[in-house]
């Protein structure tokens, strides 16, 4: 009688490490779904393309529970309505089940619908620490054809920031004067503390000269610009993952623990509003993200 094959200890250890890494990757993906860093449609697409991927190996029950405002009772009703077994994994759904799930997701979590054509007024917004300023600075340095608007703010300068280049640093009295005189295109209180606003005159002058203008602002400001200038193109900058967003916020070291908690709470709200924007860009590589922003402008048309 042949002896059974003995699995070497090193193989068992490697398999255990791989299983742990897989569980961590699924947990991170579930956080991204919950925080809306990635859309459920994107996760479903990845699972469909590769059943062995992290997305493909996620159970349908875990997938649904990771979605905002979905509890166990609602999850079970959804599965019953879609005729999907609770033991299914995303990568193992049948064609009809995928279509039903896709339709349900599109109705519950609408995706942005990019506009046709390009605009000369671009608005770049996104959650705290996503790197809006870094992407905007890269555009300023490498794309002189784009006029980068400089915002006014009542907060103190961070190390390395230059007045008139990164922001116009003003006190509350001057900010009040700008509002009273109608000199701001938009303004808002950010993180329940400092005020930010976009001076109107430099934008009007640049547009009159036929230039493309980029505004790097917050969610509230983007909404105001949409109302004032409906033709503006709104771009939402996303982090590669929620964990990466947290690491960036902690890593820059400009906020204390309480302020970081406040900013992350605000980030959740901001991420939930991304469907209001015309385009979404993931800031995994600054140069790539900057190029994608520029490609949405009228100045990129040759």
C-alpha atoms as a PDB file:
ATOM      1  CA  UNK A   1       0.000   0.000   0.000  1.00  0.00           C
ATOM      2  CA  UNK A   2       1.512   3.332  -1.060  1.00  0.00           C
ATOM      3  CA  UNK A   3       2.213   5.820   1.652  1.00  0.00           C
ATOM      4  CA  UNK A   4       0.377   9.155   1.518  1.00  0.00           C
ATOM      5  CA  UNK A   5       2.392  12.207   0.528  1.00  0.00           C
ATOM      6  CA  UNK A   6       3.556  14.279   3.483  1.00  0.00           C
ATOM      7  CA  UNK A   7       3.243  18.031   2.960  1.00  0.00           C
ATOM      8  CA  UNK A   8       6.532  19.705   3.890  1.00  0.00           C
ATOM      9  CA  UNK A   9       6.389  22.071   6.854  1.00  0.00           C
ATOM     10  CA  UNK A  10       7.608  24.953   4.693  1.00  0.00           C
ATOM     11  CA  UNK A  11       4.654  24.465   2.313  1.00  0.00           C
ATOM     12  CA  UNK A  12       2.176  24.516   5.177  1.00  0.00           C
ATOM     13  CA  UNK A  13       3.724  27.688   6.566  1.00  0.00           C
ATOM     14  CA  UNK A  14       3.608  29.374   3.153  1.00  0.00           C
ATOM     15  CA  UNK A  15      -0.019  28.340   2.675  1.00  0.00           C
ATOM     16  CA  UNK A  16      -0.906  29.728   6.110  1.00  0.00           C
ATOM     17  CA  UNK A  17       0.796  33.058   5.314  1.00  0.00           C
ATOM     18  CA  UNK A  18      -0.999  33.233   1.998  1.00  0.00           C
ATOM     19  CA  UNK A  19      -4.347  32.588   3.688  1.00  0.00           C
ATOM     20  CA  UNK A  20      -3.695  35.355   6.225  1.00  0.00           C
ATOM     21  CA  UNK A  21      -2.711  37.798   3.466  1.00  0.00           C
ATOM     22  CA  UNK A  22      -5.866  36.883   1.561  1.00  0.00           C
ATOM     23  CA  UNK A  23      -8.062  37.563   4.600  1.00  0.00           C
ATOM     24  CA  UNK A  24      -6.354  40.900   5.188  1.00  0.00           C
ATOM     25  CA  UNK A  25      -6.820  41.868   1.545  1.00  0.00           C
ATOM     26  CA  UNK A  26     -10.533  41.018   1.715  1.00  0.00           C
ATOM     27  CA  UNK A  27     -10.879  42.987   4.963  1.00  0.00           C
ATOM     28  CA  UNK A  28      -9.206  46.004   3.329  1.00  0.00           C
ATOM     29  CA  UNK A  29     -11.501  45.693   0.312  1.00  0.00           C
ATOM     30  CA  UNK A  30     -14.530  45.616   2.600  1.00  0.00           C
ATOM     31  CA  UNK A  31     -13.324  48.819   4.280  1.00  0.00           C
ATOM     32  CA  UNK A  32     -12.960  50.444   0.872  1.00  0.00           C
ATOM     33  CA  UNK A  33     -16.543  49.483   0.046  1.00  0.00           C
ATOM     34  CA  UNK A  34     -17.875  50.758   3.353  1.00  0.00           C
ATOM     35  CA  UNK A  35     -16.015  54.065   3.040  1.00  0.00           C
ATOM     36  CA  UNK A  36     -16.967  54.346  -0.671  1.00  0.00           C
ATOM     37  CA  UNK A  37     -13.339  54.541  -1.756  1.00  0.00           C
ATOM     38  CA  UNK A  38     -14.245  51.985  -4.388  1.00  0.00           C
ATOM     39  CA  UNK A  39     -17.637  51.378  -5.947  1.00  0.00           C
ATOM     40  CA  UNK A  40     -19.454  48.046  -5.610  1.00  0.00           C
ATOM     41  CA  UNK A  41     -19.768  48.003  -9.414  1.00  0.00           C
ATOM     42  CA  UNK A  42     -15.976  48.091  -9.702  1.00  0.00           C
ATOM     43  CA  UNK A  43     -15.592  45.231  -7.228  1.00  0.00           C
ATOM     44  CA  UNK A  44     -18.193  43.177  -9.095  1.00  0.00           C
ATOM     45  CA  UNK A  45     -16.387  43.846 -12.393  1.00  0.00           C
ATOM     46  CA  UNK A  46     -13.070  42.661 -10.918  1.00  0.00           C
ATOM     47  CA  UNK A  47     -14.733  39.540  -9.515  1.00  0.00           C
ATOM     48  CA  UNK A  48     -16.320  38.777 -12.879  1.00  0.00           C
ATOM     49  CA  UNK A  49     -13.020  39.237 -14.712  1.00  0.00           C
ATOM     50  CA  UNK A  50     -11.062  37.030 -12.277  1.00  0.00           C
ATOM     51  CA  UNK A  51     -12.886  34.625  -9.987  1.00  0.00           C
ATOM     52  CA  UNK A  52      -9.623  33.911  -8.135  1.00  0.00           C
ATOM     53  CA  UNK A  53      -8.979  37.582  -7.327  1.00  0.00           C
ATOM     54  CA  UNK A  54      -9.546  39.104  -3.892  1.00  0.00           C
ATOM     55  CA  UNK A  55     -12.880  40.481  -5.128  1.00  0.00           C
ATOM     56  CA  UNK A  56     -13.819  37.150  -6.691  1.00  0.00           C
ATOM     57  CA  UNK A  57     -13.168  35.257  -3.452  1.00  0.00           C
ATOM     58  CA  UNK A  58     -15.419  37.538  -1.381  1.00  0.00           C
ATOM     59  CA  UNK A  59     -18.661  35.958  -0.209  1.00  0.00           C
ATOM     60  CA  UNK A  60     -21.807  37.677  -1.452  1.00  0.00           C
ATOM     61  CA  UNK A  61     -22.960  38.059   2.160  1.00  0.00           C
ATOM     62  CA  UNK A  62     -19.779  39.908   3.150  1.00  0.00           C
ATOM     63  CA  UNK A  63     -19.982  42.024  -0.003  1.00  0.00           C
ATOM     64  CA  UNK A  64     -23.499  43.220   0.749  1.00  0.00           C
ATOM     65  CA  UNK A  65     -22.825  43.849   4.448  1.00  0.00           C
ATOM     66  CA  UNK A  66     -19.840  46.021   3.479  1.00  0.00           C
ATOM     67  CA  UNK A  67     -22.134  48.365   1.557  1.00  0.00           C
ATOM     68  CA  UNK A  68     -23.402  51.483   3.369  1.00  0.00           C
ATOM     69  CA  UNK A  69     -26.744  51.105   5.190  1.00  0.00           C
ATOM     70  CA  UNK A  70     -27.038  47.355   4.527  1.00  0.00           C
ATOM     71  CA  UNK A  71     -27.682  45.224   7.616  1.00  0.00           C
ATOM     72  CA  UNK A  72     -28.243  41.484   7.934  1.00  0.00           C
ATOM     73  CA  UNK A  73     -32.013  41.714   7.495  1.00  0.00           C
ATOM     74  CA  UNK A  74     -31.802  43.855   4.374  1.00  0.00           C
ATOM     75  CA  UNK A  75     -29.003  41.629   3.055  1.00  0.00           C
ATOM     76  CA  UNK A  76     -31.177  38.536   3.308  1.00  0.00           C
ATOM     77  CA  UNK A  77     -34.072  40.262   1.534  1.00  0.00           C
ATOM     78  CA  UNK A  78     -31.769  41.359  -1.279  1.00  0.00           C
ATOM     79  CA  UNK A  79     -30.410  37.848  -1.737  1.00  0.00           C
ATOM     80  CA  UNK A  80     -33.944  36.454  -1.846  1.00  0.00           C
ATOM     81  CA  UNK A  81     -35.050  39.064  -4.394  1.00  0.00           C
ATOM     82  CA  UNK A  82     -32.009  38.383  -6.597  1.00  0.00           C
ATOM     83  CA  UNK A  83     -32.259  34.598  -6.209  1.00  0.00           C
ATOM     84  CA  UNK A  84     -28.667  34.329  -4.997  1.00  0.00           C
ATOM     85  CA  UNK A  85     -27.576  31.732  -2.434  1.00  0.00           C
ATOM     86  CA  UNK A  86     -25.865  33.046   0.705  1.00  0.00           C
ATOM     87  CA  UNK A  87     -22.950  30.638   0.168  1.00  0.00           C
ATOM     88  CA  UNK A  88     -22.033  32.115  -3.213  1.00  0.00           C
ATOM     89  CA  UNK A  89     -18.833  34.043  -3.814  1.00  0.00           C
ATOM     90  CA  UNK A  90     -18.789  37.071  -6.107  1.00  0.00           C
ATOM     91  CA  UNK A  91     -16.605  35.288  -8.628  1.00  0.00           C
ATOM     92  CA  UNK A  92     -18.966  32.323  -8.719  1.00  0.00           C
ATOM     93  CA  UNK A  93     -22.199  34.083  -9.639  1.00  0.00           C
ATOM     94  CA  UNK A  94     -24.047  32.964 -12.743  1.00  0.00           C
ATOM     95  CA  UNK A  95     -24.632  35.277 -15.675  1.00  0.00           C
ATOM     96  CA  UNK A  96     -28.247  36.004 -14.741  1.00  0.00           C
ATOM     97  CA  UNK A  97     -27.300  36.574 -11.097  1.00  0.00           C
ATOM     98  CA  UNK A  98     -24.568  39.047 -12.098  1.00  0.00           C
ATOM     99  CA  UNK A  99     -26.997  40.977 -14.290  1.00  0.00           C
ATOM    100  CA  UNK A 100     -29.582  41.179 -11.500  1.00  0.00           C
ATOM    101  CA  UNK A 101     -26.952  42.254  -8.973  1.00  0.00           C
ATOM    102  CA  UNK A 102     -25.525  44.848 -11.397  1.00  0.00           C
ATOM    103  CA  UNK A 103     -28.981  46.339 -11.979  1.00  0.00           C
ATOM    104  CA  UNK A 104     -29.637  46.503  -8.241  1.00  0.00           C
ATOM    105  CA  UNK A 105     -26.274  48.181  -7.589  1.00  0.00           C
ATOM    106  CA  UNK A 106     -26.822  50.750 -10.359  1.00  0.00           C
ATOM    107  CA  UNK A 107     -30.169  51.674  -8.853  1.00  0.00           C
ATOM    108  CA  UNK A 108     -28.884  51.864  -5.283  1.00  0.00           C
ATOM    109  CA  UNK A 109     -25.428  53.384  -5.937  1.00  0.00           C
ATOM    110  CA  UNK A 110     -25.616  55.545  -9.083  1.00  0.00           C
ATOM    111  CA  UNK A 111     -22.330  56.190 -10.861  1.00  0.00           C
ATOM    112  CA  UNK A 112     -21.107  59.487 -12.350  1.00  0.00           C
ATOM    113  CA  UNK A 113     -22.039  60.112 -15.975  1.00  0.00           C
ATOM    114  CA  UNK A 114     -19.126  61.941 -17.663  1.00  0.00           C
ATOM    115  CA  UNK A 115     -20.134  64.882 -19.813  1.00  0.00           C
ATOM    116  CA  UNK A 116     -19.306  65.083 -23.470  1.00  0.00           C
ATOM    117  CA  UNK A 117     -16.631  67.570 -24.463  1.00  0.00           C
ATOM    118  CA  UNK A 118     -14.108  69.454 -22.367  1.00  0.00           C
ATOM    119  CA  UNK A 119     -14.404  72.546 -20.205  1.00  0.00           C
ATOM    120  CA  UNK A 120     -12.162  75.533 -19.550  1.00  0.00           C
ATOM    121  CA  UNK A 121     -13.181  75.551 -15.885  1.00  0.00           C
ATOM    122  CA  UNK A 122     -12.066  72.476 -13.969  1.00  0.00           C
ATOM    123  CA  UNK A 123     -12.896  71.811 -10.322  1.00  0.00           C
ATOM    124  CA  UNK A 124     -10.740  69.320  -8.400  1.00  0.00           C
ATOM    125  CA  UNK A 125     -12.127  68.133  -5.067  1.00  0.00           C
ATOM    126  CA  UNK A 126     -11.838  65.095  -2.835  1.00  0.00           C
ATOM    127  CA  UNK A 127     -11.439  63.993   0.777  1.00  0.00           C
ATOM    128  CA  UNK A 128      -8.811  65.317   3.156  1.00  0.00           C
ATOM    129  CA  UNK A 129      -5.231  64.040   2.629  1.00  0.00           C
ATOM    130  CA  UNK A 130      -6.077  62.582  -0.788  1.00  0.00           C
ATOM    131  CA  UNK A 131      -3.374  64.765  -2.348  1.00  0.00           C
ATOM    132  CA  UNK A 132      -5.380  67.484  -4.112  1.00  0.00           C
ATOM    133  CA  UNK A 133      -2.707  70.074  -3.406  1.00  0.00           C
ATOM    134  CA  UNK A 134       0.095  67.802  -4.583  1.00  0.00           C
ATOM    135  CA  UNK A 135      -1.686  67.011  -7.857  1.00  0.00           C
ATOM    136  CA  UNK A 136      -2.502  70.702  -8.379  1.00  0.00           C
ATOM    137  CA  UNK A 137       1.139  71.666  -7.701  1.00  0.00           C
ATOM    138  CA  UNK A 138       2.331  69.112 -10.272  1.00  0.00           C
ATOM    139  CA  UNK A 139      -0.042  70.635 -12.828  1.00  0.00           C
ATOM    140  CA  UNK A 140       1.202  74.147 -12.012  1.00  0.00           C
ATOM    141  CA  UNK A 141       4.828  73.091 -12.503  1.00  0.00           C
ATOM    142  CA  UNK A 142       4.379  70.974 -15.630  1.00  0.00           C
ATOM    143  CA  UNK A 143       1.389  72.480 -17.440  1.00  0.00           C
ATOM    144  CA  UNK A 144       1.784  76.272 -17.628  1.00  0.00           C
ATOM    145  CA  UNK A 145      -1.166  76.414 -20.025  1.00  0.00           C
ATOM    146  CA  UNK A 146      -3.416  75.658 -17.039  1.00  0.00           C
ATOM    147  CA  UNK A 147      -4.140  78.607 -14.737  1.00  0.00           C
ATOM    148  CA  UNK A 148      -4.235  77.318 -11.155  1.00  0.00           C
ATOM    149  CA  UNK A 149      -6.531  79.359  -8.950  1.00  0.00           C
ATOM    150  CA  UNK A 150      -5.124  80.394  -5.558  1.00  0.00           C
ATOM    151  CA  UNK A 151      -7.640  80.172  -2.717  1.00  0.00           C
ATOM    152  CA  UNK A 152      -7.941  82.498   0.250  1.00  0.00           C
ATOM    153  CA  UNK A 153      -8.008  80.885   3.696  1.00  0.00           C
ATOM    154  CA  UNK A 154      -8.149  81.929   7.322  1.00  0.00           C
ATOM    155  CA  UNK A 155      -6.013  79.004   8.510  1.00  0.00           C
ATOM    156  CA  UNK A 156      -2.336  79.433   9.361  1.00  0.00           C
ATOM    157  CA  UNK A 157       0.299  78.436   6.760  1.00  0.00           C
ATOM    158  CA  UNK A 158       1.765  74.947   6.970  1.00  0.00           C
ATOM    159  CA  UNK A 159       5.537  74.485   6.763  1.00  0.00           C
ATOM    160  CA  UNK A 160       6.734  75.342   3.257  1.00  0.00           C
ATOM    161  CA  UNK A 161       3.552  77.122   2.157  1.00  0.00           C
ATOM    162  CA  UNK A 162       4.011  80.537   0.544  1.00  0.00           C
ATOM    163  CA  UNK A 163       1.452  83.336   0.701  1.00  0.00           C
ATOM    164  CA  UNK A 164       0.105  84.092  -2.767  1.00  0.00           C
ATOM    165  CA  UNK A 165       1.445  80.831  -4.215  1.00  0.00           C
ATOM    166  CA  UNK A 166      -0.252  78.075  -2.255  1.00  0.00           C
ATOM    167  CA  UNK A 167      -2.941  80.249  -0.604  1.00  0.00           C
ATOM    168  CA  UNK A 168      -3.758  83.846   0.215  1.00  0.00           C
ATOM    169  CA  UNK A 169      -3.554  83.750   4.021  1.00  0.00           C
ATOM    170  CA  UNK A 170      -5.999  86.293   5.433  1.00  0.00           C
ATOM    171  CA  UNK A 171      -7.653  87.038   8.762  1.00  0.00           C
ATOM    172  CA  UNK A 172     -11.375  86.774   9.463  1.00  0.00           C
ATOM    173  CA  UNK A 173     -11.976  90.495   8.910  1.00  0.00           C
ATOM    174  CA  UNK A 174     -10.462  90.390   5.417  1.00  0.00           C
ATOM    175  CA  UNK A 175     -12.401  87.210   4.586  1.00  0.00           C
ATOM    176  CA  UNK A 176     -15.624  88.920   5.669  1.00  0.00           C
ATOM    177  CA  UNK A 177     -14.770  91.862   3.412  1.00  0.00           C
ATOM    178  CA  UNK A 178     -14.222  89.567   0.406  1.00  0.00           C
ATOM    179  CA  UNK A 179     -17.633  87.970   0.971  1.00  0.00           C
ATOM    180  CA  UNK A 180     -19.404  91.291   1.480  1.00  0.00           C
ATOM    181  CA  UNK A 181     -17.964  92.706  -1.754  1.00  0.00           C
ATOM    182  CA  UNK A 182     -18.900  89.614  -3.778  1.00  0.00           C
ATOM    183  CA  UNK A 183     -15.242  88.936  -4.557  1.00  0.00           C
ATOM    184  CA  UNK A 184     -15.432  85.177  -3.946  1.00  0.00           C
ATOM    185  CA  UNK A 185     -16.797  82.655  -6.439  1.00  0.00           C
ATOM    186  CA  UNK A 186     -17.357  80.225  -3.592  1.00  0.00           C
ATOM    187  CA  UNK A 187     -16.507  79.989   0.105  1.00  0.00           C
ATOM    188  CA  UNK A 188     -17.027  77.516   2.905  1.00  0.00           C
ATOM    189  CA  UNK A 189     -16.037  76.514   6.418  1.00  0.00           C
ATOM    190  CA  UNK A 190     -13.897  73.384   6.183  1.00  0.00           C
ATOM    191  CA  UNK A 191     -13.525  70.799   8.987  1.00  0.00           C
ATOM    192  CA  UNK A 192     -15.680  73.076  11.185  1.00  0.00           C
ATOM    193  CA  UNK A 193     -12.735  75.414  11.655  1.00  0.00           C
ATOM    194  CA  UNK A 194     -11.041  77.489   8.952  1.00  0.00           C
ATOM    195  CA  UNK A 195     -12.694  79.279   6.040  1.00  0.00           C
ATOM    196  CA  UNK A 196     -11.659  78.894   2.418  1.00  0.00           C
ATOM    197  CA  UNK A 197     -12.768  80.793  -0.662  1.00  0.00           C
ATOM    198  CA  UNK A 198     -11.916  81.302  -4.342  1.00  0.00           C
ATOM    199  CA  UNK A 199     -11.233  84.884  -5.485  1.00  0.00           C
ATOM    200  CA  UNK A 200     -13.400  85.577  -8.519  1.00  0.00           C
ATOM    201  CA  UNK A 201     -11.372  88.242 -10.410  1.00  0.00           C
ATOM    202  CA  UNK A 202      -8.305  86.105 -11.352  1.00  0.00           C
ATOM    203  CA  UNK A 203     -10.600  83.369 -12.693  1.00  0.00           C
ATOM    204  CA  UNK A 204     -12.651  85.785 -14.789  1.00  0.00           C
ATOM    205  CA  UNK A 205      -9.457  87.334 -16.186  1.00  0.00           C
ATOM    206  CA  UNK A 206      -7.922  83.952 -17.099  1.00  0.00           C
ATOM    207  CA  UNK A 207     -11.114  82.711 -18.754  1.00  0.00           C
ATOM    208  CA  UNK A 208     -11.407  85.981 -20.699  1.00  0.00           C
ATOM    209  CA  UNK A 209      -7.918  85.332 -22.054  1.00  0.00           C
ATOM    210  CA  UNK A 210      -8.989  81.890 -23.273  1.00  0.00           C
ATOM    211  CA  UNK A 211      -7.075  79.979 -20.595  1.00  0.00           C
ATOM    212  CA  UNK A 212      -8.173  76.832 -18.777  1.00  0.00           C
ATOM    213  CA  UNK A 213      -8.619  77.380 -15.039  1.00  0.00           C
ATOM    214  CA  UNK A 214      -8.228  74.723 -12.338  1.00  0.00           C
ATOM    215  CA  UNK A 215      -9.860  75.181  -8.926  1.00  0.00           C
ATOM    216  CA  UNK A 216      -8.604  72.911  -6.132  1.00  0.00           C
ATOM    217  CA  UNK A 217     -11.359  73.205  -3.525  1.00  0.00           C
ATOM    218  CA  UNK A 218     -13.516  71.240  -1.081  1.00  0.00           C
ATOM    219  CA  UNK A 219     -16.877  69.558  -1.589  1.00  0.00           C
ATOM    220  CA  UNK A 220     -18.943  72.528  -0.436  1.00  0.00           C
ATOM    221  CA  UNK A 221     -17.100  74.829  -2.810  1.00  0.00           C
ATOM    222  CA  UNK A 222     -17.496  72.420  -5.713  1.00  0.00           C
ATOM    223  CA  UNK A 223     -21.255  72.409  -5.190  1.00  0.00           C
ATOM    224  CA  UNK A 224     -21.351  76.203  -5.197  1.00  0.00           C
ATOM    225  CA  UNK A 225     -19.317  76.361  -8.411  1.00  0.00           C
ATOM    226  CA  UNK A 226     -21.691  73.878 -10.054  1.00  0.00           C
ATOM    227  CA  UNK A 227     -24.576  76.201  -9.235  1.00  0.00           C
ATOM    228  CA  UNK A 228     -22.758  79.359 -10.347  1.00  0.00           C
ATOM    229  CA  UNK A 229     -21.092  77.833 -13.441  1.00  0.00           C
ATOM    230  CA  UNK A 230     -23.045  74.751 -14.628  1.00  0.00           C
ATOM    231  CA  UNK A 231     -20.609  74.233 -17.511  1.00  0.00           C
ATOM    232  CA  UNK A 232     -17.700  73.552 -15.118  1.00  0.00           C
ATOM    233  CA  UNK A 233     -16.216  70.049 -15.112  1.00  0.00           C
ATOM    234  CA  UNK A 234     -16.190  68.549 -11.611  1.00  0.00           C
ATOM    235  CA  UNK A 235     -13.433  65.999 -10.872  1.00  0.00           C
ATOM    236  CA  UNK A 236     -13.342  63.896  -7.707  1.00  0.00           C
ATOM    237  CA  UNK A 237      -9.917  62.685  -6.555  1.00  0.00           C
ATOM    238  CA  UNK A 238      -9.923  59.306  -4.808  1.00  0.00           C
ATOM    239  CA  UNK A 239      -7.236  57.582  -2.725  1.00  0.00           C
ATOM    240  CA  UNK A 240      -6.081  54.082  -3.781  1.00  0.00           C
ATOM    241  CA  UNK A 241      -7.644  52.754  -0.556  1.00  0.00           C
ATOM    242  CA  UNK A 242      -9.057  53.891   2.766  1.00  0.00           C
ATOM    243  CA  UNK A 243      -5.980  52.559   4.573  1.00  0.00           C
ATOM    244  CA  UNK A 244      -3.748  54.635   2.288  1.00  0.00           C
ATOM    245  CA  UNK A 245      -5.819  57.763   3.009  1.00  0.00           C
ATOM    246  CA  UNK A 246      -5.381  57.244   6.752  1.00  0.00           C
ATOM    247  CA  UNK A 247      -1.636  56.680   6.323  1.00  0.00           C
ATOM    248  CA  UNK A 248      -1.269  59.873   4.272  1.00  0.00           C
ATOM    249  CA  UNK A 249      -3.108  61.910   6.886  1.00  0.00           C
ATOM    250  CA  UNK A 250      -1.007  60.518   9.728  1.00  0.00           C
ATOM    251  CA  UNK A 251       2.206  60.663   7.716  1.00  0.00           C
ATOM    252  CA  UNK A 252       2.068  64.356   6.912  1.00  0.00           C
ATOM    253  CA  UNK A 253       2.088  65.129  10.635  1.00  0.00           C
ATOM    254  CA  UNK A 254       0.309  68.482  10.411  1.00  0.00           C
ATOM    255  CA  UNK A 255      -2.696  67.562  12.594  1.00  0.00           C
ATOM    256  CA  UNK A 256      -3.045  66.238  16.121  1.00  0.00           C
ATOM    257  CA  UNK A 257      -5.040  63.094  17.026  1.00  0.00           C
ATOM    258  CA  UNK A 258      -8.343  64.943  17.585  1.00  0.00           C
ATOM    259  CA  UNK A 259      -8.027  66.867  14.324  1.00  0.00           C
ATOM    260  CA  UNK A 260      -7.224  63.645  12.410  1.00  0.00           C
ATOM    261  CA  UNK A 261     -10.370  62.008  13.778  1.00  0.00           C
ATOM    262  CA  UNK A 262     -12.417  65.050  12.726  1.00  0.00           C
ATOM    263  CA  UNK A 263     -10.902  65.068   9.246  1.00  0.00           C
ATOM    264  CA  UNK A 264     -11.486  61.341   8.715  1.00  0.00           C
ATOM    265  CA  UNK A 265     -15.092  61.784   9.774  1.00  0.00           C
ATOM    266  CA  UNK A 266     -15.405  64.560   7.182  1.00  0.00           C
ATOM    267  CA  UNK A 267     -13.691  62.357   4.583  1.00  0.00           C
ATOM    268  CA  UNK A 268     -16.450  59.751   4.939  1.00  0.00           C
ATOM    269  CA  UNK A 269     -19.051  62.396   4.126  1.00  0.00           C
ATOM    270  CA  UNK A 270     -17.031  63.695   1.187  1.00  0.00           C
ATOM    271  CA  UNK A 271     -16.517  60.225  -0.282  1.00  0.00           C
ATOM    272  CA  UNK A 272     -20.256  59.595  -0.128  1.00  0.00           C
ATOM    273  CA  UNK A 273     -20.817  62.579  -2.455  1.00  0.00           C
ATOM    274  CA  UNK A 274     -18.577  61.457  -5.319  1.00  0.00           C
ATOM    275  CA  UNK A 275     -21.531  60.528  -7.533  1.00  0.00           C
ATOM    276  CA  UNK A 276     -22.250  64.291  -7.841  1.00  0.00           C
ATOM    277  CA  UNK A 277     -19.063  64.709  -9.875  1.00  0.00           C
ATOM    278  CA  UNK A 278     -18.513  64.286 -13.600  1.00  0.00           C
ATOM    279  CA  UNK A 279     -15.293  62.282 -13.351  1.00  0.00           C
ATOM    280  CA  UNK A 280     -13.361  60.278 -10.764  1.00  0.00           C
ATOM    281  CA  UNK A 281      -9.586  59.896 -10.736  1.00  0.00           C
ATOM    282  CA  UNK A 282      -7.582  57.673  -8.377  1.00  0.00           C
ATOM    283  CA  UNK A 283      -4.471  59.385  -7.008  1.00  0.00           C
ATOM    284  CA  UNK A 284      -2.113  56.416  -6.834  1.00  0.00           C
ATOM    285  CA  UNK A 285       0.613  58.155  -8.846  1.00  0.00           C
ATOM    286  CA  UNK A 286       0.686  61.967  -8.766  1.00  0.00           C
ATOM    287  CA  UNK A 287       2.017  62.418 -12.311  1.00  0.00           C
ATOM    288  CA  UNK A 288      -0.561  60.033 -13.739  1.00  0.00           C
ATOM    289  CA  UNK A 289      -3.424  61.650 -11.810  1.00  0.00           C
ATOM    290  CA  UNK A 290      -2.281  65.119 -12.920  1.00  0.00           C
ATOM    291  CA  UNK A 291      -2.152  64.018 -16.555  1.00  0.00           C
ATOM    292  CA  UNK A 292      -5.682  62.607 -16.322  1.00  0.00           C
ATOM    293  CA  UNK A 293      -6.936  65.913 -14.918  1.00  0.00           C
ATOM    294  CA  UNK A 294      -5.278  67.904 -17.703  1.00  0.00           C
ATOM    295  CA  UNK A 295      -6.723  65.556 -20.330  1.00  0.00           C
ATOM    296  CA  UNK A 296     -10.204  66.622 -19.212  1.00  0.00           C
ATOM    297  CA  UNK A 297      -9.509  70.252 -20.050  1.00  0.00           C
ATOM    298  CA  UNK A 298     -10.085  72.088 -23.312  1.00  0.00           C
ATOM    299  CA  UNK A 299      -6.374  72.949 -23.415  1.00  0.00           C
ATOM    300  CA  UNK A 300      -5.561  69.261 -23.993  1.00  0.00           C
ATOM    301  CA  UNK A 301      -7.375  69.338 -27.375  1.00  0.00           C
ATOM    302  CA  UNK A 302      -4.932  69.767 -30.252  1.00  0.00           C
END
